Amino acid sequence: MSDAPSPETLRAEILRMVHERGAGKTVCPSEVARSLAGSDEKVWRLLMQPIRRVAAALSDEGLVVIRRKGRPVAPADLKGIYRLSPPEGD
């Protein structure tokens, strides 16, 4: 991957994967990274922080829910491992 995906590309992929997975299911941010960068861990790991930033923005907009240990968390309180799900009612 010579060029990192734009925030818009990250946003679109997060939304696509979360909504494709459906209600009651979650997506790991590393799944998003691998879908964009391939299976080379050295490459997809570079996307993890940008994905976290975009996921936080999407959460603030009410478009995804960030979950830690199965519970929704605010982006400002996010630490460690998390997953993404569609908002309730989607």
PDB file of N, CA and C in Angstrom:
ATOM      1  N   MET A   1       0.861  -1.176   0.000  1.00  0.00           N
ATOM      2  CA  MET A   1       0.000   0.000   0.000  1.00  0.00           C
ATOM      3  C   MET A   1       0.893   1.220   0.000  1.00  0.00           C
ATOM      4  N   SER A   2       0.999   1.888  -1.114  1.00  0.00           N
ATOM      5  CA  SER A   2       1.904   3.019  -1.210  1.00  0.00           C
ATOM      6  C   SER A   2       1.313   4.283  -0.606  1.00  0.00           C
ATOM      7  N   ASP A   3       0.018   4.477  -0.766  1.00  0.00           N
ATOM      8  CA  ASP A   3      -0.638   5.657  -0.211  1.00  0.00           C
ATOM      9  C   ASP A   3      -1.676   5.223   0.809  1.00  0.00           C
ATOM     10  N   ALA A   4      -1.656   5.890   1.950  1.00  0.00           N
ATOM     11  CA  ALA A   4      -2.651   5.583   2.970  1.00  0.00           C
ATOM     12  C   ALA A   4      -4.026   6.014   2.477  1.00  0.00           C
ATOM     13  N   PRO A   5      -5.055   5.241   2.808  1.00  0.00           N
ATOM     14  CA  PRO A   5      -6.404   5.632   2.420  1.00  0.00           C
ATOM     15  C   PRO A   5      -6.785   6.963   3.074  1.00  0.00           C
ATOM     16  N   SER A   6      -7.569   7.742   2.381  1.00  0.00           N
ATOM     17  CA  SER A   6      -8.038   9.022   2.910  1.00  0.00           C
ATOM     18  C   SER A   6      -9.043   8.777   4.031  1.00  0.00           C
ATOM     19  N   PRO A   7      -9.264   9.784   4.877  1.00  0.00           N
ATOM     20  CA  PRO A   7     -10.307   9.650   5.896  1.00  0.00           C
ATOM     21  C   PRO A   7     -11.670   9.317   5.280  1.00  0.00           C
ATOM     22  N   GLU A   8     -11.937   9.844   4.102  1.00  0.00           N
ATOM     23  CA  GLU A   8     -13.211   9.560   3.429  1.00  0.00           C
ATOM     24  C   GLU A   8     -13.311   8.084   3.054  1.00  0.00           C
ATOM     25  N   THR A   9     -12.197   7.511   2.607  1.00  0.00           N
ATOM     26  CA  THR A   9     -12.172   6.090   2.266  1.00  0.00           C
ATOM     27  C   THR A   9     -12.350   5.242   3.520  1.00  0.00           C
ATOM     28  N   LEU A  10     -11.677   5.607   4.595  1.00  0.00           N
ATOM     29  CA  LEU A  10     -11.832   4.895   5.866  1.00  0.00           C
ATOM     30  C   LEU A  10     -13.277   4.964   6.338  1.00  0.00           C
ATOM     31  N   ARG A  11     -13.845   6.145   6.260  1.00  0.00           N
ATOM     32  CA  ARG A  11     -15.243   6.359   6.671  1.00  0.00           C
ATOM     33  C   ARG A  11     -16.183   5.461   5.880  1.00  0.00           C
ATOM     34  N   ALA A  12     -16.023   5.465   4.567  1.00  0.00           N
ATOM     35  CA  ALA A  12     -16.900   4.671   3.709  1.00  0.00           C
ATOM     36  C   ALA A  12     -16.770   3.180   4.011  1.00  0.00           C
ATOM     37  N   GLU A  13     -15.547   2.710   4.238  1.00  0.00           N
ATOM     38  CA  GLU A  13     -15.336   1.286   4.508  1.00  0.00           C
ATOM     39  C   GLU A  13     -15.892   0.890   5.869  1.00  0.00           C
ATOM     40  N   ILE A  14     -15.711   1.727   6.876  1.00  0.00           N
ATOM     41  CA  ILE A  14     -16.281   1.446   8.194  1.00  0.00           C
ATOM     42  C   ILE A  14     -17.798   1.344   8.086  1.00  0.00           C
ATOM     43  N   LEU A  15     -18.414   2.324   7.461  1.00  0.00           N
ATOM     44  CA  LEU A  15     -19.871   2.319   7.337  1.00  0.00           C
ATOM     45  C   LEU A  15     -20.359   1.109   6.544  1.00  0.00           C
ATOM     46  N   ARG A  16     -19.667   0.784   5.455  1.00  0.00           N
ATOM     47  CA  ARG A  16     -20.063  -0.358   4.637  1.00  0.00           C
ATOM     48  C   ARG A  16     -20.016  -1.646   5.459  1.00  0.00           C
ATOM     49  N   MET A  17     -18.908  -1.850   6.145  1.00  0.00           N
ATOM     50  CA  MET A  17     -18.741  -3.093   6.886  1.00  0.00           C
ATOM     51  C   MET A  17     -19.704  -3.200   8.066  1.00  0.00           C
ATOM     52  N   VAL A  18     -19.897  -2.110   8.792  1.00  0.00           N
ATOM     53  CA  VAL A  18     -20.795  -2.129   9.946  1.00  0.00           C
ATOM     54  C   VAL A  18     -22.219  -2.419   9.498  1.00  0.00           C
ATOM     55  N   HIS A  19     -22.657  -1.766   8.447  1.00  0.00           N
ATOM     56  CA  HIS A  19     -24.042  -1.958   8.008  1.00  0.00           C
ATOM     57  C   HIS A  19     -24.224  -3.295   7.302  1.00  0.00           C
ATOM     58  N   GLU A  20     -23.192  -3.784   6.643  1.00  0.00           N
ATOM     59  CA  GLU A  20     -23.256  -5.102   6.021  1.00  0.00           C
ATOM     60  C   GLU A  20     -23.338  -6.195   7.088  1.00  0.00           C
ATOM     61  N   ARG A  21     -22.609  -6.021   8.175  1.00  0.00           N
ATOM     62  CA  ARG A  21     -22.625  -6.999   9.267  1.00  0.00           C
ATOM     63  C   ARG A  21     -24.000  -7.036   9.922  1.00  0.00           C
ATOM     64  N   GLY A  22     -24.625  -5.862  10.086  1.00  0.00           N
ATOM     65  CA  GLY A  22     -26.010  -5.808  10.550  1.00  0.00           C
ATOM     66  C   GLY A  22     -26.189  -5.618  12.047  1.00  0.00           C
ATOM     67  N   ALA A  23     -27.452  -5.442  12.399  1.00  0.00           N
ATOM     68  CA  ALA A  23     -27.842  -5.192  13.789  1.00  0.00           C
ATOM     69  C   ALA A  23     -27.456  -6.369  14.671  1.00  0.00           C
ATOM     70  N   GLY A  24     -27.006  -6.048  15.866  1.00  0.00           N
ATOM     71  CA  GLY A  24     -26.636  -7.075  16.821  1.00  0.00           C
ATOM     72  C   GLY A  24     -25.259  -7.674  16.592  1.00  0.00           C
ATOM     73  N   LYS A  25     -24.557  -7.240  15.559  1.00  0.00           N
ATOM     74  CA  LYS A  25     -23.230  -7.748  15.234  1.00  0.00           C
ATOM     75  C   LYS A  25     -22.227  -6.609  15.311  1.00  0.00           C
ATOM     76  N   THR A  26     -20.950  -6.963  15.425  1.00  0.00           N
ATOM     77  CA  THR A  26     -19.908  -5.943  15.499  1.00  0.00           C
ATOM     78  C   THR A  26     -18.793  -6.239  14.503  1.00  0.00           C
ATOM     79  N   VAL A  27     -18.007  -5.208  14.251  1.00  0.00           N
ATOM     80  CA  VAL A  27     -16.852  -5.295  13.356  1.00  0.00           C
ATOM     81  C   VAL A  27     -15.623  -4.866  14.143  1.00  0.00           C
ATOM     82  N   CYS A  28     -14.565  -5.630  14.013  1.00  0.00           N
ATOM     83  CA  CYS A  28     -13.298  -5.254  14.631  1.00  0.00           C
ATOM     84  C   CYS A  28     -12.594  -4.250  13.719  1.00  0.00           C
ATOM     85  N   PRO A  29     -12.017  -3.193  14.272  1.00  0.00           N
ATOM     86  CA  PRO A  29     -11.298  -2.228  13.442  1.00  0.00           C
ATOM     87  C   PRO A  29     -10.201  -2.871  12.590  1.00  0.00           C
ATOM     88  N   SER A  30      -9.604  -3.958  13.084  1.00  0.00           N
ATOM     89  CA  SER A  30      -8.571  -4.621  12.287  1.00  0.00           C
ATOM     90  C   SER A  30      -9.151  -5.257  11.031  1.00  0.00           C
ATOM     91  N   GLU A  31     -10.426  -5.627  11.069  1.00  0.00           N
ATOM     92  CA  GLU A  31     -11.084  -6.144   9.866  1.00  0.00           C
ATOM     93  C   GLU A  31     -11.162  -5.054   8.803  1.00  0.00           C
ATOM     94  N   VAL A  32     -11.477  -3.845   9.251  1.00  0.00           N
ATOM     95  CA  VAL A  32     -11.539  -2.704   8.332  1.00  0.00           C
ATOM     96  C   VAL A  32     -10.157  -2.462   7.734  1.00  0.00           C
ATOM     97  N   ALA A  33      -9.150  -2.470   8.596  1.00  0.00           N
ATOM     98  CA  ALA A  33      -7.777  -2.233   8.132  1.00  0.00           C
ATOM     99  C   ALA A  33      -7.351  -3.284   7.115  1.00  0.00           C
ATOM    100  N   ARG A  34      -7.635  -4.549   7.406  1.00  0.00           N
ATOM    101  CA  ARG A  34      -7.241  -5.615   6.485  1.00  0.00           C
ATOM    102  C   ARG A  34      -8.017  -5.562   5.177  1.00  0.00           C
ATOM    103  N   SER A  35      -9.262  -5.116   5.239  1.00  0.00           N
ATOM    104  CA  SER A  35     -10.036  -5.029   3.997  1.00  0.00           C
ATOM    105  C   SER A  35      -9.470  -3.968   3.054  1.00  0.00           C
ATOM    106  N   LEU A  36      -8.817  -2.966   3.621  1.00  0.00           N
ATOM    107  CA  LEU A  36      -8.243  -1.894   2.809  1.00  0.00           C
ATOM    108  C   LEU A  36      -6.779  -2.128   2.454  1.00  0.00           C
ATOM    109  N   ALA A  37      -6.043  -2.764   3.360  1.00  0.00           N
ATOM    110  CA  ALA A  37      -4.588  -2.861   3.192  1.00  0.00           C
ATOM    111  C   ALA A  37      -4.087  -4.261   2.868  1.00  0.00           C
ATOM    112  N   GLY A  38      -4.947  -5.253   2.970  1.00  0.00           N
ATOM    113  CA  GLY A  38      -4.499  -6.613   2.730  1.00  0.00           C
ATOM    114  C   GLY A  38      -4.039  -7.277   4.009  1.00  0.00           C
ATOM    115  N   SER A  39      -3.453  -8.449   3.885  1.00  0.00           N
ATOM    116  CA  SER A  39      -3.146  -9.265   5.053  1.00  0.00           C
ATOM    117  C   SER A  39      -1.775  -9.000   5.679  1.00  0.00           C
ATOM    118  N   ASP A  40      -0.963  -8.155   5.069  1.00  0.00           N
ATOM    119  CA  ASP A  40       0.366  -7.854   5.626  1.00  0.00           C
ATOM    120  C   ASP A  40       0.195  -7.015   6.891  1.00  0.00           C
ATOM    121  N   GLU A  41       0.492  -7.639   8.033  1.00  0.00           N
ATOM    122  CA  GLU A  41       0.261  -6.971   9.319  1.00  0.00           C
ATOM    123  C   GLU A  41       1.018  -5.654   9.447  1.00  0.00           C
ATOM    124  N   LYS A  42       2.223  -5.585   8.905  1.00  0.00           N
ATOM    125  CA  LYS A  42       3.005  -4.344   8.981  1.00  0.00           C
ATOM    126  C   LYS A  42       2.291  -3.200   8.266  1.00  0.00           C
ATOM    127  N   VAL A  43       1.515  -3.528   7.252  1.00  0.00           N
ATOM    128  CA  VAL A  43       0.800  -2.507   6.482  1.00  0.00           C
ATOM    129  C   VAL A  43      -0.523  -2.148   7.150  1.00  0.00           C
ATOM    130  N   TRP A  44      -1.342  -3.170   7.465  1.00  0.00           N
ATOM    131  CA  TRP A  44      -2.663  -2.829   7.999  1.00  0.00           C
ATOM    132  C   TRP A  44      -2.594  -2.222   9.391  1.00  0.00           C
ATOM    133  N   ARG A  45      -1.587  -2.565  10.175  1.00  0.00           N
ATOM    134  CA  ARG A  45      -1.478  -1.969  11.517  1.00  0.00           C
ATOM    135  C   ARG A  45      -1.299  -0.448  11.457  1.00  0.00           C
ATOM    136  N   LEU A  46      -0.714   0.037  10.382  1.00  0.00           N
ATOM    137  CA  LEU A  46      -0.540   1.489  10.237  1.00  0.00           C
ATOM    138  C   LEU A  46      -1.876   2.222  10.124  1.00  0.00           C
ATOM    139  N   LEU A  47      -2.930   1.504   9.794  1.00  0.00           N
ATOM    140  CA  LEU A  47      -4.250   2.129   9.651  1.00  0.00           C
ATOM    141  C   LEU A  47      -5.045   2.166  10.960  1.00  0.00           C
ATOM    142  N   MET A  48      -4.573   1.504  11.983  1.00  0.00           N
ATOM    143  CA  MET A  48      -5.381   1.371  13.196  1.00  0.00           C
ATOM    144  C   MET A  48      -5.679   2.712  13.876  1.00  0.00           C
ATOM    145  N   GLN A  49      -4.709   3.589  13.998  1.00  0.00           N
ATOM    146  CA  GLN A  49      -4.977   4.891  14.619  1.00  0.00           C
ATOM    147  C   GLN A  49      -5.869   5.767  13.741  1.00  0.00           C
ATOM    148  N   PRO A  50      -5.611   5.852  12.422  1.00  0.00           N
ATOM    149  CA  PRO A  50      -6.546   6.625  11.592  1.00  0.00           C
ATOM    150  C   PRO A  50      -7.969   6.065  11.650  1.00  0.00           C
ATOM    151  N   ILE A  51      -8.119   4.750  11.702  1.00  0.00           N
ATOM    152  CA  ILE A  51      -9.457   4.148  11.801  1.00  0.00           C
ATOM    153  C   ILE A  51     -10.098   4.535  13.124  1.00  0.00           C
ATOM    154  N   ARG A  52      -9.333   4.551  14.197  1.00  0.00           N
ATOM    155  CA  ARG A  52      -9.872   4.950  15.509  1.00  0.00           C
ATOM    156  C   ARG A  52     -10.396   6.390  15.457  1.00  0.00           C
ATOM    157  N   ARG A  53      -9.628   7.275  14.826  1.00  0.00           N
ATOM    158  CA  ARG A  53     -10.064   8.682  14.729  1.00  0.00           C
ATOM    159  C   ARG A  53     -11.357   8.802  13.919  1.00  0.00           C
ATOM    160  N   VAL A  54     -11.429   8.095  12.795  1.00  0.00           N
ATOM    161  CA  VAL A  54     -12.631   8.160  11.951  1.00  0.00           C
ATOM    162  C   VAL A  54     -13.809   7.515  12.675  1.00  0.00           C
ATOM    163  N   ALA A  55     -13.578   6.407  13.358  1.00  0.00           N
ATOM    164  CA  ALA A  55     -14.648   5.749  14.114  1.00  0.00           C
ATOM    165  C   ALA A  55     -15.195   6.672  15.203  1.00  0.00           C
ATOM    166  N   ALA A  56     -14.317   7.414  15.866  1.00  0.00           N
ATOM    167  CA  ALA A  56     -14.755   8.358  16.894  1.00  0.00           C
ATOM    168  C   ALA A  56     -15.639   9.440  16.281  1.00  0.00           C
ATOM    169  N   ALA A  57     -15.247   9.944  15.117  1.00  0.00           N
ATOM    170  CA  ALA A  57     -16.059  10.965  14.444  1.00  0.00           C
ATOM    171  C   ALA A  57     -17.417  10.393  14.039  1.00  0.00           C
ATOM    172  N   LEU A  58     -17.416   9.170  13.516  1.00  0.00           N
ATOM    173  CA  LEU A  58     -18.682   8.532  13.124  1.00  0.00           C
ATOM    174  C   LEU A  58     -19.577   8.298  14.339  1.00  0.00           C
ATOM    175  N   SER A  59     -18.971   7.957  15.458  1.00  0.00           N
ATOM    176  CA  SER A  59     -19.735   7.780  16.689  1.00  0.00           C
ATOM    177  C   SER A  59     -20.339   9.106  17.137  1.00  0.00           C
ATOM    178  N   ASP A  60     -19.541  10.165  17.082  1.00  0.00           N
ATOM    179  CA  ASP A  60     -20.048  11.495  17.445  1.00  0.00           C
ATOM    180  C   ASP A  60     -21.220  11.908  16.567  1.00  0.00           C
ATOM    181  N   GLU A  61     -21.220  11.457  15.309  1.00  0.00           N
ATOM    182  CA  GLU A  61     -22.308  11.759  14.371  1.00  0.00           C
ATOM    183  C   GLU A  61     -23.500  10.814  14.535  1.00  0.00           C
ATOM    184  N   GLY A  62     -23.365   9.812  15.384  1.00  0.00           N
ATOM    185  CA  GLY A  62     -24.438   8.855  15.601  1.00  0.00           C
ATOM    186  C   GLY A  62     -24.559   7.805  14.513  1.00  0.00           C
ATOM    187  N   LEU A  63     -23.513   7.631  13.706  1.00  0.00           N
ATOM    188  CA  LEU A  63     -23.578   6.687  12.590  1.00  0.00           C
ATOM    189  C   LEU A  63     -23.060   5.298  12.932  1.00  0.00           C
ATOM    190  N   VAL A  64     -22.244   5.192  13.967  1.00  0.00           N
ATOM    191  CA  VAL A  64     -21.796   3.897  14.487  1.00  0.00           C
ATOM    192  C   VAL A  64     -21.770   3.979  16.008  1.00  0.00           C
ATOM    193  N   VAL A  65     -21.751   2.817  16.641  1.00  0.00           N
ATOM    194  CA  VAL A  65     -21.598   2.729  18.089  1.00  0.00           C
ATOM    195  C   VAL A  65     -20.252   2.072  18.359  1.00  0.00           C
ATOM    196  N   ILE A  66     -19.466   2.699  19.209  1.00  0.00           N
ATOM    197  CA  ILE A  66     -18.197   2.118  19.643  1.00  0.00           C
ATOM    198  C   ILE A  66     -18.498   1.299  20.895  1.00  0.00           C
ATOM    199  N   ARG A  67     -18.054   0.049  20.886  1.00  0.00           N
ATOM    200  CA  ARG A  67     -18.318  -0.847  22.007  1.00  0.00           C
ATOM    201  C   ARG A  67     -17.009  -1.356  22.602  1.00  0.00           C
ATOM    202  N   ARG A  68     -16.993  -1.382  23.896  1.00  0.00           N
ATOM    203  CA  ARG A  68     -15.862  -1.952  24.636  1.00  0.00           C
ATOM    204  C   ARG A  68     -16.453  -2.958  25.602  1.00  0.00           C
ATOM    205  N   LYS A  69     -16.007  -4.204  25.522  1.00  0.00           N
ATOM    206  CA  LYS A  69     -16.548  -5.285  26.350  1.00  0.00           C
ATOM    207  C   LYS A  69     -18.065  -5.372  26.196  1.00  0.00           C
ATOM    208  N   GLY A  70     -18.547  -5.137  24.959  1.00  0.00           N
ATOM    209  CA  GLY A  70     -19.965  -5.270  24.649  1.00  0.00           C
ATOM    210  C   GLY A  70     -20.829  -4.072  24.985  1.00  0.00           C
ATOM    211  N   ARG A  71     -20.255  -3.091  25.655  1.00  0.00           N
ATOM    212  CA  ARG A  71     -21.037  -1.919  26.075  1.00  0.00           C
ATOM    213  C   ARG A  71     -20.654  -0.687  25.254  1.00  0.00           C
ATOM    214  N   PRO A  72     -21.644   0.147  24.938  1.00  0.00           N
ATOM    215  CA  PRO A  72     -21.321   1.389  24.221  1.00  0.00           C
ATOM    216  C   PRO A  72     -20.430   2.290  25.075  1.00  0.00           C
ATOM    217  N   VAL A  73     -19.466   2.910  24.435  1.00  0.00           N
ATOM    218  CA  VAL A  73     -18.606   3.879  25.113  1.00  0.00           C
ATOM    219  C   VAL A  73     -18.505   5.136  24.264  1.00  0.00           C
ATOM    220  N   ALA A  74     -18.349   6.260  24.943  1.00  0.00           N
ATOM    221  CA  ALA A  74     -18.145   7.531  24.246  1.00  0.00           C
ATOM    222  C   ALA A  74     -16.725   7.553  23.692  1.00  0.00           C
ATOM    223  N   PRO A  75     -16.532   8.172  22.534  1.00  0.00           N
ATOM    224  CA  PRO A  75     -15.185   8.247  21.961  1.00  0.00           C
ATOM    225  C   PRO A  75     -14.155   8.837  22.924  1.00  0.00           C
ATOM    226  N   ALA A  76     -14.558   9.802  23.717  1.00  0.00           N
ATOM    227  CA  ALA A  76     -13.624  10.439  24.654  1.00  0.00           C
ATOM    228  C   ALA A  76     -13.164   9.465  25.742  1.00  0.00           C
ATOM    229  N   ASP A  77     -13.973   8.429  26.019  1.00  0.00           N
ATOM    230  CA  ASP A  77     -13.646   7.459  27.061  1.00  0.00           C
ATOM    231  C   ASP A  77     -12.999   6.194  26.514  1.00  0.00           C
ATOM    232  N   LEU A  78     -12.743   6.161  25.207  1.00  0.00           N
ATOM    233  CA  LEU A  78     -12.248   4.948  24.565  1.00  0.00           C
ATOM    234  C   LEU A  78     -10.787   4.692  24.891  1.00  0.00           C
ATOM    235  N   LYS A  79     -10.555   3.511  25.448  1.00  0.00           N
ATOM    236  CA  LYS A  79      -9.192   3.052  25.716  1.00  0.00           C
ATOM    237  C   LYS A  79      -9.149   1.584  25.339  1.00  0.00           C
ATOM    238  N   GLY A  80      -8.072   1.164  24.722  1.00  0.00           N
ATOM    239  CA  GLY A  80      -7.877  -0.247  24.448  1.00  0.00           C
ATOM    240  C   GLY A  80      -8.673  -0.778  23.272  1.00  0.00           C
ATOM    241  N   ILE A  81      -9.004  -2.063  23.390  1.00  0.00           N
ATOM    242  CA  ILE A  81      -9.668  -2.793  22.312  1.00  0.00           C
ATOM    243  C   ILE A  81     -11.133  -2.385  22.248  1.00  0.00           C
ATOM    244  N   TYR A  82     -11.631  -2.249  21.031  1.00  0.00           N
ATOM    245  CA  TYR A  82     -13.025  -1.870  20.828  1.00  0.00           C
ATOM    246  C   TYR A  82     -13.551  -2.526  19.567  1.00  0.00           C
ATOM    247  N   ARG A  83     -14.868  -2.465  19.419  1.00  0.00           N
ATOM    248  CA  ARG A  83     -15.529  -2.963  18.215  1.00  0.00           C
ATOM    249  C   ARG A  83     -16.554  -1.927  17.793  1.00  0.00           C
ATOM    250  N   LEU A  84     -17.043  -2.082  16.580  1.00  0.00           N
ATOM    251  CA  LEU A  84     -17.986  -1.118  16.006  1.00  0.00           C
ATOM    252  C   LEU A  84     -19.281  -1.822  15.633  1.00  0.00           C
ATOM    253  N   SER A  85     -20.401  -1.156  15.883  1.00  0.00           N
ATOM    254  CA  SER A  85     -21.688  -1.710  15.503  1.00  0.00           C
ATOM    255  C   SER A  85     -22.582  -0.607  14.952  1.00  0.00           C
ATOM    256  N   PRO A  86     -23.647  -1.008  14.252  1.00  0.00           N
ATOM    257  CA  PRO A  86     -24.584   0.014  13.793  1.00  0.00           C
ATOM    258  C   PRO A  86     -25.346   0.583  15.003  1.00  0.00           C
ATOM    259  N   PRO A  87     -25.882   1.783  14.861  1.00  0.00           N
ATOM    260  CA  PRO A  87     -26.695   2.335  15.941  1.00  0.00           C
ATOM    261  C   PRO A  87     -27.949   1.481  16.145  1.00  0.00           C
ATOM    262  N   GLU A  88     -28.511   1.556  17.320  1.00  0.00           N
ATOM    263  CA  GLU A  88     -29.750   0.825  17.596  1.00  0.00           C
ATOM    264  C   GLU A  88     -30.815   1.259  16.598  1.00  0.00           C
ATOM    265  N   GLY A  89     -31.585   0.316  16.127  1.00  0.00           N
ATOM    266  CA  GLY A  89     -32.660   0.641  15.192  1.00  0.00           C
ATOM    267  C   GLY A  89     -32.235   0.612  13.739  1.00  0.00           C
ATOM    268  N   ASP A  90     -30.947   0.426  13.452  1.00  0.00           N
ATOM    269  CA  ASP A  90     -30.493   0.334  12.062  1.00  0.00           C
ATOM    270  C   ASP A  90     -30.657  -1.062  11.544  1.00  0.00           C
TER     271      ASP A  90
END
